């Protein structure tokens, strides 16, 4: 098994930065720690590895002997499913998404995060933050995003994108209004369901129940 794992490393991953300074950090990974996961290949093989998912670069990251590696982009087509901490991840539009529901329709959530860099000091001793693509690009170029955590002067804001696949078609949602519009013929029932159940867009179980309700009332 170890020989197979090492062969997998050589074929499917690219080395990333492992240098780490002793700084206070904030996490930009899906899971607090790297944990044992399983990579299931389309050809039927499976590999166990210490895995996590980088929310900034949207890359699956592998840890071995304190070195970290990202699965090469052109190798992702060979992966069927990734299992980490009981979460099942599959590829949708070149990003890994978590499976929330599978029946007559499939519901996925894409875990993302916004990174804000510290700006100039704000009034009353606070700090203003600036969110920009250039900040993320800078961190990517120096390998900083591959550290387990970012220095704590950065602000991490997780957010979600939901995908539904039905009859072979994919639809993307970034807010509740889009979900209501998608089920326009039953929007009154859906609005009532949202109100009665206090559905929030950042609540995965709540959104899953909303889609199940909408589909069951088709």
N, C-alpha and C. Protein backbone atom coordinates (compact mmCIF):
# COMPACT_ATOMS: atom_id res chain seq x y z
N UNK A 1 0.83 -1.20 0.00
CA UNK A 1 0.00 0.00 0.00
C UNK A 1 0.87 1.26 0.00
N UNK A 2 1.98 1.25 0.78
CA UNK A 2 2.85 2.42 0.83
C UNK A 2 3.46 2.71 -0.53
N UNK A 3 3.86 1.63 -1.27
CA UNK A 3 4.43 1.84 -2.59
C UNK A 3 3.41 2.49 -3.52
N UNK A 4 2.16 2.05 -3.41
CA UNK A 4 1.10 2.62 -4.24
C UNK A 4 0.89 4.09 -3.89
N UNK A 5 0.95 4.42 -2.60
CA UNK A 5 0.75 5.79 -2.16
C UNK A 5 1.87 6.68 -2.68
N UNK A 6 3.11 6.21 -2.59
CA UNK A 6 4.23 7.00 -3.09
C UNK A 6 4.14 7.18 -4.60
N UNK A 7 3.69 6.16 -5.30
CA UNK A 7 3.50 6.28 -6.75
C UNK A 7 2.45 7.32 -7.06
N UNK A 8 1.42 7.35 -6.25
CA UNK A 8 0.36 8.35 -6.42
C UNK A 8 0.93 9.75 -6.23
N UNK A 9 1.79 9.91 -5.21
CA UNK A 9 2.40 11.21 -4.95
C UNK A 9 3.19 11.68 -6.17
N UNK A 10 3.99 10.80 -6.72
CA UNK A 10 4.85 11.17 -7.84
C UNK A 10 4.04 11.55 -9.08
N UNK A 11 2.91 10.88 -9.27
CA UNK A 11 2.13 11.08 -10.49
C UNK A 11 1.14 12.22 -10.40
N UNK A 12 0.61 12.47 -9.20
CA UNK A 12 -0.56 13.34 -9.12
C UNK A 12 -0.44 14.58 -8.26
N UNK A 13 0.74 14.88 -7.71
CA UNK A 13 0.82 16.06 -6.86
C UNK A 13 1.99 16.94 -7.22
N UNK A 14 1.86 18.20 -6.82
CA UNK A 14 2.94 19.16 -7.04
C UNK A 14 3.35 19.74 -5.70
N UNK A 15 4.65 19.86 -5.47
CA UNK A 15 5.16 20.32 -4.17
C UNK A 15 4.82 21.78 -3.94
N UNK A 16 4.45 22.11 -2.71
CA UNK A 16 4.17 23.49 -2.34
C UNK A 16 4.99 23.86 -1.12
N UNK A 17 4.96 25.13 -0.78
CA UNK A 17 5.80 25.66 0.29
C UNK A 17 5.52 25.00 1.62
N UNK A 18 6.59 24.70 2.39
CA UNK A 18 6.42 24.10 3.72
C UNK A 18 7.05 24.95 4.81
N UNK A 19 7.64 26.07 4.44
CA UNK A 19 8.29 26.90 5.46
C UNK A 19 7.24 27.55 6.34
N UNK A 20 7.41 27.47 7.65
CA UNK A 20 6.46 28.05 8.57
C UNK A 20 7.19 28.78 9.69
N UNK A 21 6.79 30.03 9.94
CA UNK A 21 7.35 30.78 11.03
C UNK A 21 6.45 30.65 12.24
N UNK A 22 6.99 30.93 13.40
CA UNK A 22 6.20 30.84 14.63
C UNK A 22 5.42 32.14 14.81
N UNK A 23 4.22 32.14 14.23
CA UNK A 23 3.35 33.31 14.27
C UNK A 23 1.97 32.84 14.71
N UNK A 24 1.15 33.76 15.23
CA UNK A 24 -0.25 33.42 15.47
C UNK A 24 -0.97 33.38 14.14
N UNK A 25 -1.83 32.37 13.94
CA UNK A 25 -2.42 32.16 12.63
C UNK A 25 -3.93 32.11 12.68
N UNK A 26 -4.55 32.32 11.51
CA UNK A 26 -5.96 32.05 11.30
C UNK A 26 -6.05 31.03 10.17
N UNK A 27 -7.09 30.21 10.19
CA UNK A 27 -7.16 29.11 9.22
C UNK A 27 -7.88 29.52 7.95
N UNK A 28 -7.37 29.04 6.82
CA UNK A 28 -8.05 29.24 5.54
C UNK A 28 -8.28 27.89 4.87
N UNK A 29 -8.34 26.84 5.71
CA UNK A 29 -8.60 25.49 5.22
C UNK A 29 -10.01 25.05 5.64
N UNK A 30 -10.54 24.08 4.93
CA UNK A 30 -11.89 23.59 5.22
C UNK A 30 -11.96 22.95 6.61
N UNK A 31 -10.91 22.21 6.97
CA UNK A 31 -10.89 21.53 8.26
C UNK A 31 -9.81 22.13 9.16
N UNK A 32 -10.02 22.14 10.47
CA UNK A 32 -9.04 22.73 11.39
C UNK A 32 -7.67 22.07 11.31
N UNK A 33 -7.66 20.78 11.00
CA UNK A 33 -6.40 20.03 10.92
C UNK A 33 -6.42 19.10 9.72
N UNK A 34 -5.23 18.73 9.24
CA UNK A 34 -5.15 17.70 8.23
C UNK A 34 -5.57 16.38 8.87
N UNK A 35 -6.41 15.63 8.18
CA UNK A 35 -6.90 14.37 8.73
C UNK A 35 -6.86 13.27 7.69
N UNK A 36 -6.96 12.04 8.16
CA UNK A 36 -6.90 10.91 7.24
C UNK A 36 -8.10 10.94 6.30
N UNK A 37 -7.81 10.90 5.03
CA UNK A 37 -8.86 10.90 4.02
C UNK A 37 -8.64 9.80 3.01
N UNK A 38 -9.61 9.63 2.15
CA UNK A 38 -9.53 8.61 1.11
C UNK A 38 -9.79 9.27 -0.24
N UNK A 39 -8.91 9.04 -1.18
CA UNK A 39 -9.09 9.51 -2.55
C UNK A 39 -9.50 8.31 -3.39
N UNK A 40 -10.72 8.34 -3.89
CA UNK A 40 -11.25 7.25 -4.70
C UNK A 40 -11.08 7.61 -6.17
N UNK A 41 -10.38 6.75 -6.91
CA UNK A 41 -10.10 7.03 -8.31
C UNK A 41 -11.19 6.45 -9.21
N UNK A 42 -11.33 7.02 -10.37
CA UNK A 42 -12.35 6.55 -11.31
C UNK A 42 -12.07 5.14 -11.82
N UNK A 43 -10.82 4.75 -11.82
CA UNK A 43 -10.48 3.40 -12.29
C UNK A 43 -10.73 2.34 -11.22
N UNK A 44 -11.13 2.79 -10.02
CA UNK A 44 -11.48 1.82 -8.97
C UNK A 44 -10.51 1.77 -7.81
N UNK A 45 -9.31 2.30 -7.96
CA UNK A 45 -8.35 2.29 -6.87
C UNK A 45 -8.68 3.36 -5.83
N UNK A 46 -8.08 3.23 -4.65
CA UNK A 46 -8.30 4.20 -3.58
C UNK A 46 -7.00 4.38 -2.80
N UNK A 47 -6.77 5.59 -2.33
CA UNK A 47 -5.56 5.90 -1.59
C UNK A 47 -5.90 6.63 -0.30
N UNK A 48 -5.26 6.23 0.78
CA UNK A 48 -5.43 6.92 2.06
C UNK A 48 -4.30 7.93 2.22
N UNK A 49 -4.65 9.11 2.69
CA UNK A 49 -3.65 10.15 2.84
C UNK A 49 -4.13 11.18 3.85
N UNK A 50 -3.20 12.00 4.37
CA UNK A 50 -3.55 13.10 5.25
C UNK A 50 -3.93 14.29 4.38
N UNK A 51 -5.21 14.70 4.44
CA UNK A 51 -5.74 15.66 3.48
C UNK A 51 -6.39 16.87 4.13
N UNK A 52 -6.48 17.93 3.36
CA UNK A 52 -7.27 19.09 3.71
C UNK A 52 -7.59 19.82 2.42
N UNK A 53 -8.43 20.85 2.49
CA UNK A 53 -8.83 21.56 1.28
C UNK A 53 -8.60 23.05 1.47
N UNK A 54 -7.81 23.64 0.57
CA UNK A 54 -7.45 25.06 0.64
C UNK A 54 -8.60 25.90 0.07
N UNK A 55 -9.23 26.71 0.91
CA UNK A 55 -10.40 27.49 0.49
C UNK A 55 -10.03 28.69 -0.38
N UNK A 56 -8.79 29.10 -0.35
CA UNK A 56 -8.37 30.25 -1.16
C UNK A 56 -8.05 29.81 -2.58
N UNK A 57 -7.23 28.77 -2.71
CA UNK A 57 -6.79 28.32 -4.03
C UNK A 57 -7.69 27.23 -4.62
N UNK A 58 -8.66 26.75 -3.82
CA UNK A 58 -9.55 25.66 -4.27
C UNK A 58 -8.75 24.43 -4.69
N UNK A 59 -7.80 24.05 -3.85
CA UNK A 59 -6.96 22.90 -4.15
C UNK A 59 -7.01 21.87 -3.02
N UNK A 60 -6.99 20.62 -3.39
CA UNK A 60 -6.86 19.53 -2.44
C UNK A 60 -5.39 19.41 -2.08
N UNK A 61 -5.10 19.45 -0.77
CA UNK A 61 -3.72 19.47 -0.31
C UNK A 61 -3.42 18.22 0.50
N UNK A 62 -2.26 17.62 0.24
CA UNK A 62 -1.83 16.37 0.84
C UNK A 62 -0.61 16.64 1.71
N UNK A 63 -0.57 16.04 2.90
CA UNK A 63 0.56 16.23 3.81
C UNK A 63 1.29 14.91 4.01
N UNK A 64 2.61 14.96 3.87
CA UNK A 64 3.43 13.76 4.06
C UNK A 64 4.80 14.18 4.59
N UNK A 65 5.16 13.65 5.78
CA UNK A 65 6.45 13.97 6.40
C UNK A 65 6.67 15.48 6.52
N UNK A 66 5.63 16.18 6.97
CA UNK A 66 5.66 17.62 7.20
C UNK A 66 5.79 18.45 5.93
N UNK A 67 5.75 17.81 4.78
CA UNK A 67 5.71 18.53 3.50
C UNK A 67 4.29 18.51 2.97
N UNK A 68 3.91 19.56 2.26
CA UNK A 68 2.55 19.66 1.74
C UNK A 68 2.57 19.76 0.22
N UNK A 69 1.59 19.13 -0.38
CA UNK A 69 1.50 19.04 -1.82
C UNK A 69 0.08 19.35 -2.28
N UNK A 70 -0.05 19.92 -3.45
CA UNK A 70 -1.37 20.14 -4.03
C UNK A 70 -1.56 19.16 -5.18
N UNK A 71 -2.76 18.57 -5.25
CA UNK A 71 -3.05 17.68 -6.36
C UNK A 71 -3.01 18.49 -7.65
N UNK A 72 -2.24 18.03 -8.63
CA UNK A 72 -2.09 18.76 -9.89
C UNK A 72 -3.43 18.90 -10.60
N UNK A 73 -3.68 20.06 -11.17
CA UNK A 73 -4.96 20.36 -11.81
C UNK A 73 -5.30 19.35 -12.91
N UNK A 74 -4.30 18.98 -13.71
CA UNK A 74 -4.59 18.09 -14.83
C UNK A 74 -4.81 16.64 -14.40
N UNK A 75 -4.66 16.36 -13.09
CA UNK A 75 -4.90 15.01 -12.57
C UNK A 75 -6.28 14.85 -11.97
N UNK A 76 -6.99 15.95 -11.77
CA UNK A 76 -8.28 15.90 -11.08
C UNK A 76 -9.30 15.07 -11.83
N UNK A 77 -9.17 15.00 -13.15
CA UNK A 77 -10.12 14.24 -13.95
C UNK A 77 -10.13 12.76 -13.59
N UNK A 78 -9.04 12.30 -12.97
CA UNK A 78 -8.93 10.88 -12.60
C UNK A 78 -9.57 10.56 -11.25
N UNK A 79 -9.96 11.61 -10.50
CA UNK A 79 -10.51 11.42 -9.16
C UNK A 79 -12.03 11.38 -9.21
N UNK A 80 -12.60 10.38 -8.54
CA UNK A 80 -14.06 10.25 -8.48
C UNK A 80 -14.61 10.96 -7.24
N UNK A 81 -14.11 10.59 -6.06
CA UNK A 81 -14.61 11.13 -4.80
C UNK A 81 -13.48 11.25 -3.80
N UNK A 82 -13.55 12.28 -2.96
CA UNK A 82 -12.61 12.44 -1.86
C UNK A 82 -13.42 12.43 -0.56
N UNK A 83 -13.00 11.64 0.40
CA UNK A 83 -13.70 11.54 1.68
C UNK A 83 -12.77 12.03 2.78
N UNK A 84 -13.18 13.09 3.50
CA UNK A 84 -12.42 13.63 4.63
C UNK A 84 -13.38 13.89 5.77
N UNK A 85 -13.11 13.30 6.93
CA UNK A 85 -13.95 13.52 8.11
C UNK A 85 -15.44 13.33 7.81
N UNK A 86 -15.76 12.26 7.11
CA UNK A 86 -17.15 11.90 6.76
C UNK A 86 -17.80 12.84 5.75
N UNK A 87 -17.06 13.81 5.25
CA UNK A 87 -17.58 14.65 4.17
C UNK A 87 -17.15 14.05 2.83
N UNK A 88 -18.07 13.99 1.89
CA UNK A 88 -17.75 13.48 0.56
C UNK A 88 -17.66 14.65 -0.41
N UNK A 89 -16.52 14.75 -1.08
CA UNK A 89 -16.25 15.84 -2.00
C UNK A 89 -16.13 15.29 -3.42
N UNK A 90 -16.75 15.99 -4.36
CA UNK A 90 -16.63 15.64 -5.78
C UNK A 90 -16.34 16.91 -6.57
N UNK A 91 -15.91 16.74 -7.79
CA UNK A 91 -15.59 17.89 -8.63
C UNK A 91 -16.82 18.42 -9.35
N UNK A 92 -17.02 19.73 -9.26
CA UNK A 92 -18.04 20.43 -10.03
C UNK A 92 -17.40 21.71 -10.56
N UNK A 93 -17.36 21.84 -11.87
CA UNK A 93 -16.76 23.04 -12.49
C UNK A 93 -15.34 23.30 -11.98
N UNK A 94 -14.54 22.24 -11.91
CA UNK A 94 -13.12 22.32 -11.55
C UNK A 94 -12.85 22.69 -10.09
N UNK A 95 -13.86 22.64 -9.23
CA UNK A 95 -13.66 22.85 -7.80
C UNK A 95 -14.30 21.70 -7.04
N UNK A 96 -13.72 21.35 -5.89
CA UNK A 96 -14.33 20.30 -5.07
C UNK A 96 -15.49 20.89 -4.28
N UNK A 97 -16.60 20.17 -4.29
CA UNK A 97 -17.80 20.58 -3.55
C UNK A 97 -18.24 19.42 -2.66
N UNK A 98 -18.89 19.76 -1.56
CA UNK A 98 -19.39 18.75 -0.64
C UNK A 98 -20.79 18.30 -1.06
N UNK A 99 -21.03 17.00 -1.02
CA UNK A 99 -22.35 16.46 -1.33
C UNK A 99 -23.26 16.63 -0.12
N UNK A 100 -24.36 17.36 -0.29
CA UNK A 100 -25.32 17.55 0.79
C UNK A 100 -26.52 16.63 0.67
N UNK A 101 -26.88 16.28 -0.57
CA UNK A 101 -28.09 15.48 -0.78
C UNK A 101 -27.99 14.77 -2.13
N UNK A 102 -28.46 13.53 -2.16
CA UNK A 102 -28.55 12.77 -3.41
C UNK A 102 -29.83 11.96 -3.43
N UNK A 103 -30.67 12.22 -4.41
CA UNK A 103 -31.90 11.43 -4.62
C UNK A 103 -32.32 11.68 -6.06
N UNK A 104 -33.52 12.22 -6.27
CA UNK A 104 -33.93 12.58 -7.62
C UNK A 104 -33.18 13.81 -8.10
N UNK A 105 -32.53 14.51 -7.18
CA UNK A 105 -31.66 15.63 -7.50
C UNK A 105 -30.42 15.55 -6.61
N UNK A 106 -29.37 16.23 -7.01
CA UNK A 106 -28.15 16.28 -6.22
C UNK A 106 -27.91 17.73 -5.77
N UNK A 107 -27.57 17.90 -4.50
CA UNK A 107 -27.29 19.22 -3.96
C UNK A 107 -25.87 19.24 -3.42
N UNK A 108 -25.11 20.27 -3.82
CA UNK A 108 -23.72 20.41 -3.40
C UNK A 108 -23.51 21.79 -2.78
N UNK A 109 -22.52 21.88 -1.92
CA UNK A 109 -22.10 23.18 -1.42
C UNK A 109 -20.61 23.35 -1.70
N UNK A 110 -20.27 24.50 -2.26
CA UNK A 110 -18.88 24.86 -2.52
C UNK A 110 -18.41 25.76 -1.39
N UNK A 111 -17.44 25.30 -0.63
CA UNK A 111 -16.91 26.06 0.50
C UNK A 111 -15.88 27.06 -0.02
N UNK A 112 -16.07 28.32 0.32
CA UNK A 112 -15.18 29.37 -0.14
C UNK A 112 -14.80 30.27 1.04
N UNK A 113 -13.86 31.17 0.82
CA UNK A 113 -13.58 32.17 1.85
C UNK A 113 -13.02 33.43 1.21
N UNK A 114 -13.33 34.55 1.85
CA UNK A 114 -12.78 35.84 1.45
C UNK A 114 -11.64 36.19 2.40
N UNK A 115 -10.58 36.73 1.86
CA UNK A 115 -9.43 37.11 2.68
C UNK A 115 -9.28 38.62 2.65
N UNK A 116 -9.27 39.24 3.82
CA UNK A 116 -9.09 40.68 3.92
C UNK A 116 -7.77 40.97 4.61
N UNK A 117 -6.98 41.83 4.00
CA UNK A 117 -5.70 42.20 4.61
C UNK A 117 -5.90 43.41 5.50
N UNK A 118 -5.08 43.54 6.55
CA UNK A 118 -5.21 44.70 7.44
C UNK A 118 -4.85 45.98 6.72
N UNK A 119 -5.69 46.98 6.87
CA UNK A 119 -5.42 48.27 6.25
C UNK A 119 -4.91 49.25 7.28
N UNK A 120 -5.30 50.49 7.14
CA UNK A 120 -4.84 51.50 8.09
C UNK A 120 -5.63 51.40 9.39
N UNK A 121 -5.06 51.82 10.50
CA UNK A 121 -5.76 51.77 11.79
C UNK A 121 -7.07 52.56 11.73
N UNK A 122 -8.12 51.98 12.31
CA UNK A 122 -9.42 52.66 12.34
C UNK A 122 -9.57 53.45 13.63
N UNK A 123 -10.67 54.16 13.74
CA UNK A 123 -10.91 54.97 14.94
C UNK A 123 -11.09 54.08 16.16
N UNK A 124 -10.79 54.66 17.34
CA UNK A 124 -10.99 53.98 18.62
C UNK A 124 -10.15 52.70 18.74
N UNK A 125 -8.99 52.69 18.11
CA UNK A 125 -8.08 51.57 18.28
C UNK A 125 -8.39 50.36 17.44
N UNK A 126 -9.35 50.43 16.54
CA UNK A 126 -9.69 49.30 15.68
C UNK A 126 -8.79 49.24 14.46
N UNK A 127 -9.08 48.28 13.58
CA UNK A 127 -8.32 48.12 12.34
C UNK A 127 -9.27 47.97 11.18
N UNK A 128 -9.06 48.72 10.11
CA UNK A 128 -9.88 48.56 8.91
C UNK A 128 -9.26 47.48 8.04
N UNK A 129 -10.11 46.76 7.29
CA UNK A 129 -9.63 45.67 6.45
C UNK A 129 -9.96 45.94 5.00
N UNK A 130 -9.08 45.51 4.13
CA UNK A 130 -9.28 45.66 2.70
C UNK A 130 -9.27 44.30 2.04
N UNK A 131 -10.35 43.97 1.32
CA UNK A 131 -10.42 42.70 0.61
C UNK A 131 -10.10 42.95 -0.85
N UNK A 132 -9.11 42.22 -1.38
CA UNK A 132 -8.73 42.47 -2.77
C UNK A 132 -8.13 41.23 -3.39
N UNK A 133 -8.30 41.11 -4.70
CA UNK A 133 -7.70 40.00 -5.44
C UNK A 133 -6.19 40.08 -5.39
N UNK A 134 -5.65 41.30 -5.39
CA UNK A 134 -4.20 41.45 -5.38
C UNK A 134 -3.58 40.88 -4.11
N UNK A 135 -4.30 40.96 -3.00
CA UNK A 135 -3.81 40.39 -1.76
C UNK A 135 -3.66 38.88 -1.88
N UNK A 136 -4.71 38.23 -2.40
CA UNK A 136 -4.67 36.78 -2.57
C UNK A 136 -3.60 36.39 -3.57
N UNK A 137 -3.48 37.15 -4.66
CA UNK A 137 -2.46 36.86 -5.66
C UNK A 137 -1.07 36.94 -5.06
N UNK A 138 -0.85 37.93 -4.22
CA UNK A 138 0.45 38.09 -3.57
C UNK A 138 0.76 36.91 -2.68
N UNK A 139 -0.25 36.46 -1.92
CA UNK A 139 -0.02 35.33 -1.02
C UNK A 139 0.23 34.06 -1.82
N UNK A 140 -0.46 33.90 -2.95
CA UNK A 140 -0.24 32.72 -3.78
C UNK A 140 1.19 32.70 -4.31
N UNK A 141 1.68 33.85 -4.74
CA UNK A 141 2.98 33.91 -5.38
C UNK A 141 4.11 33.58 -4.42
N UNK A 142 3.93 33.88 -3.13
CA UNK A 142 5.01 33.57 -2.19
C UNK A 142 4.75 32.29 -1.41
N UNK A 143 3.72 31.55 -1.79
CA UNK A 143 3.45 30.27 -1.15
C UNK A 143 2.72 30.36 0.15
N UNK A 144 2.35 31.59 0.59
CA UNK A 144 1.75 31.75 1.90
C UNK A 144 0.45 31.00 2.09
N UNK A 145 -0.33 30.85 1.02
CA UNK A 145 -1.62 30.19 1.17
C UNK A 145 -1.48 28.70 1.43
N UNK A 146 -0.28 28.16 1.26
CA UNK A 146 -0.09 26.74 1.51
C UNK A 146 0.32 26.44 2.95
N UNK A 147 0.60 27.51 3.69
CA UNK A 147 0.79 27.31 5.11
C UNK A 147 -0.53 26.84 5.70
N UNK A 148 -0.46 26.11 6.80
CA UNK A 148 -1.72 25.62 7.39
C UNK A 148 -2.62 26.78 7.76
N UNK A 149 -2.04 27.88 8.22
CA UNK A 149 -2.83 29.05 8.59
C UNK A 149 -2.14 30.32 8.11
N UNK A 150 -2.92 31.39 8.04
CA UNK A 150 -2.38 32.69 7.68
C UNK A 150 -2.10 33.50 8.94
N UNK A 151 -1.16 34.44 8.89
CA UNK A 151 -0.92 35.31 10.05
C UNK A 151 -2.22 35.96 10.50
N UNK A 152 -2.37 36.14 11.82
CA UNK A 152 -3.67 36.54 12.36
C UNK A 152 -4.06 37.98 12.04
N UNK A 153 -3.19 38.76 11.37
CA UNK A 153 -3.64 40.08 10.96
C UNK A 153 -4.57 40.02 9.75
N UNK A 154 -4.66 38.85 9.12
CA UNK A 154 -5.61 38.67 8.03
C UNK A 154 -6.96 38.24 8.59
N UNK A 155 -8.01 38.64 7.90
CA UNK A 155 -9.37 38.29 8.30
C UNK A 155 -9.96 37.30 7.30
N UNK A 156 -10.43 36.15 7.79
CA UNK A 156 -10.99 35.11 6.94
C UNK A 156 -12.51 35.09 7.11
N UNK A 157 -13.23 35.18 6.01
CA UNK A 157 -14.69 35.14 6.05
C UNK A 157 -15.20 34.00 5.16
N UNK A 158 -15.62 32.88 5.77
CA UNK A 158 -16.16 31.77 4.98
C UNK A 158 -17.49 32.16 4.34
N UNK A 159 -17.75 31.61 3.17
CA UNK A 159 -19.06 31.77 2.55
C UNK A 159 -19.32 30.56 1.66
N UNK A 160 -20.56 30.45 1.17
CA UNK A 160 -20.96 29.24 0.45
C UNK A 160 -21.59 29.56 -0.90
N UNK A 161 -21.39 28.65 -1.82
CA UNK A 161 -22.10 28.64 -3.10
C UNK A 161 -22.76 27.26 -3.22
N UNK A 162 -24.05 27.25 -3.53
CA UNK A 162 -24.77 25.98 -3.65
C UNK A 162 -24.98 25.64 -5.12
N UNK A 163 -24.95 24.34 -5.41
CA UNK A 163 -25.20 23.84 -6.75
C UNK A 163 -26.26 22.75 -6.68
N UNK A 164 -27.19 22.78 -7.63
CA UNK A 164 -28.15 21.68 -7.74
C UNK A 164 -28.00 21.07 -9.13
N UNK A 165 -28.00 19.74 -9.17
CA UNK A 165 -27.95 19.04 -10.45
C UNK A 165 -29.20 18.18 -10.57
N UNK A 166 -29.97 18.46 -11.61
CA UNK A 166 -31.22 17.74 -11.84
C UNK A 166 -31.39 17.53 -13.33
N UNK A 167 -31.71 16.30 -13.69
CA UNK A 167 -31.86 15.96 -15.12
C UNK A 167 -30.63 16.33 -15.93
N UNK A 168 -29.47 16.17 -15.29
CA UNK A 168 -28.21 16.43 -15.99
C UNK A 168 -27.81 17.89 -16.10
N UNK A 169 -28.62 18.79 -15.55
CA UNK A 169 -28.31 20.22 -15.64
C UNK A 169 -27.88 20.76 -14.28
N UNK A 170 -26.90 21.69 -14.31
CA UNK A 170 -26.36 22.30 -13.09
C UNK A 170 -26.86 23.74 -12.96
N UNK A 171 -27.21 24.12 -11.73
CA UNK A 171 -27.62 25.50 -11.46
C UNK A 171 -26.88 25.97 -10.21
N UNK A 172 -26.38 27.20 -10.26
CA UNK A 172 -25.57 27.78 -9.19
C UNK A 172 -26.37 28.83 -8.43
N UNK A 173 -26.21 28.86 -7.07
CA UNK A 173 -26.94 29.80 -6.23
C UNK A 173 -25.97 30.49 -5.26
N UNK A 174 -26.05 31.82 -5.21
CA UNK A 174 -25.20 32.57 -4.28
C UNK A 174 -26.01 33.31 -3.22
N UNK A 175 -27.34 33.22 -3.29
CA UNK A 175 -28.19 33.82 -2.26
C UNK A 175 -29.58 33.18 -2.29
N UNK A 176 -30.38 33.41 -1.26
CA UNK A 176 -31.70 32.79 -1.14
C UNK A 176 -32.66 33.32 -2.21
N UNK A 177 -32.52 34.58 -2.61
CA UNK A 177 -33.40 35.13 -3.64
C UNK A 177 -33.32 34.33 -4.94
N UNK A 178 -32.13 33.86 -5.27
CA UNK A 178 -31.96 33.06 -6.49
C UNK A 178 -32.68 31.72 -6.37
N UNK A 179 -32.70 31.16 -5.16
CA UNK A 179 -33.41 29.89 -4.95
C UNK A 179 -34.91 30.10 -5.13
N UNK A 180 -35.44 31.18 -4.55
CA UNK A 180 -36.87 31.48 -4.68
C UNK A 180 -37.23 31.69 -6.15
N UNK A 181 -36.39 32.40 -6.89
CA UNK A 181 -36.64 32.66 -8.31
C UNK A 181 -36.61 31.37 -9.11
N UNK A 182 -35.71 30.45 -8.74
CA UNK A 182 -35.59 29.17 -9.46
C UNK A 182 -36.88 28.36 -9.34
N UNK A 183 -37.54 28.46 -8.19
CA UNK A 183 -38.81 27.76 -7.96
C UNK A 183 -39.96 28.79 -7.99
N UNK A 184 -39.97 29.61 -9.01
CA UNK A 184 -40.90 30.73 -9.08
C UNK A 184 -42.38 30.31 -8.98
N UNK A 185 -42.72 29.14 -9.52
CA UNK A 185 -44.12 28.71 -9.53
C UNK A 185 -44.64 28.39 -8.14
N UNK A 186 -43.76 28.20 -7.20
CA UNK A 186 -44.17 27.89 -5.82
C UNK A 186 -43.49 28.82 -4.81
N UNK A 187 -43.20 30.02 -5.25
CA UNK A 187 -42.43 30.95 -4.42
C UNK A 187 -43.13 31.29 -3.11
N UNK A 188 -44.48 31.35 -3.12
CA UNK A 188 -45.19 31.69 -1.89
C UNK A 188 -44.99 30.62 -0.82
N UNK A 189 -45.06 29.35 -1.23
CA UNK A 189 -44.84 28.24 -0.29
C UNK A 189 -43.40 28.26 0.23
N UNK A 190 -42.48 28.56 -0.66
CA UNK A 190 -41.06 28.58 -0.28
C UNK A 190 -40.76 29.72 0.67
N UNK A 191 -41.32 30.88 0.40
CA UNK A 191 -41.12 32.03 1.30
C UNK A 191 -41.67 31.73 2.69
N UNK A 192 -42.83 31.08 2.75
CA UNK A 192 -43.42 30.71 4.03
C UNK A 192 -42.54 29.70 4.76
N UNK A 193 -42.01 28.73 4.02
CA UNK A 193 -41.13 27.72 4.61
C UNK A 193 -39.87 28.38 5.19
N UNK A 194 -39.32 29.32 4.44
CA UNK A 194 -38.12 30.04 4.90
C UNK A 194 -38.41 30.81 6.19
N UNK A 195 -39.57 31.47 6.23
CA UNK A 195 -39.94 32.26 7.40
C UNK A 195 -40.20 31.38 8.61
N UNK A 196 -40.98 30.32 8.42
CA UNK A 196 -41.34 29.44 9.55
C UNK A 196 -40.16 28.68 10.11
N UNK A 197 -39.18 28.39 9.26
CA UNK A 197 -38.03 27.59 9.70
C UNK A 197 -36.76 28.43 9.88
N UNK A 198 -36.90 29.75 9.72
CA UNK A 198 -35.78 30.67 9.92
C UNK A 198 -34.54 30.22 9.13
N UNK A 199 -34.75 29.97 7.84
CA UNK A 199 -33.68 29.47 6.99
C UNK A 199 -32.68 30.58 6.69
N UNK A 200 -31.40 30.30 6.93
CA UNK A 200 -30.32 31.23 6.63
C UNK A 200 -29.42 30.61 5.56
N UNK A 201 -28.89 31.45 4.68
CA UNK A 201 -28.10 30.94 3.57
C UNK A 201 -26.83 30.25 4.03
N UNK A 202 -26.31 30.64 5.18
CA UNK A 202 -25.06 30.03 5.67
C UNK A 202 -25.29 28.80 6.53
N UNK A 203 -26.54 28.33 6.61
CA UNK A 203 -26.86 27.11 7.36
C UNK A 203 -27.05 25.97 6.38
N UNK A 204 -26.07 25.07 6.32
CA UNK A 204 -26.09 24.00 5.32
C UNK A 204 -27.30 23.10 5.46
N UNK A 205 -27.62 22.70 6.69
CA UNK A 205 -28.77 21.81 6.91
C UNK A 205 -30.07 22.52 6.54
N UNK A 206 -30.15 23.81 6.86
CA UNK A 206 -31.35 24.57 6.54
C UNK A 206 -31.56 24.68 5.04
N UNK A 207 -30.51 24.97 4.31
CA UNK A 207 -30.62 25.08 2.85
C UNK A 207 -30.94 23.72 2.23
N UNK A 208 -30.35 22.66 2.77
CA UNK A 208 -30.66 21.32 2.26
C UNK A 208 -32.14 21.00 2.46
N UNK A 209 -32.69 21.37 3.62
CA UNK A 209 -34.11 21.12 3.89
C UNK A 209 -34.99 21.98 2.98
N UNK A 210 -34.53 23.19 2.65
CA UNK A 210 -35.28 24.06 1.74
C UNK A 210 -35.38 23.45 0.35
N UNK A 211 -34.28 22.96 -0.17
CA UNK A 211 -34.29 22.33 -1.49
C UNK A 211 -35.15 21.06 -1.48
N UNK A 212 -35.05 20.28 -0.41
CA UNK A 212 -35.86 19.06 -0.31
C UNK A 212 -37.35 19.41 -0.31
N UNK A 213 -37.70 20.46 0.42
CA UNK A 213 -39.10 20.92 0.46
C UNK A 213 -39.55 21.36 -0.93
N UNK A 214 -38.72 22.16 -1.60
CA UNK A 214 -39.07 22.67 -2.92
C UNK A 214 -39.24 21.54 -3.93
N UNK A 215 -38.38 20.56 -3.87
CA UNK A 215 -38.45 19.45 -4.81
C UNK A 215 -39.62 18.52 -4.52
N UNK A 216 -39.94 18.35 -3.24
CA UNK A 216 -41.05 17.48 -2.88
C UNK A 216 -42.40 18.10 -3.23
N UNK A 217 -42.41 19.42 -3.43
CA UNK A 217 -43.64 20.12 -3.79
C UNK A 217 -43.69 20.48 -5.27
N UNK A 218 -42.95 19.70 -6.07
CA UNK A 218 -42.91 19.96 -7.51
C UNK A 218 -44.25 19.62 -8.15
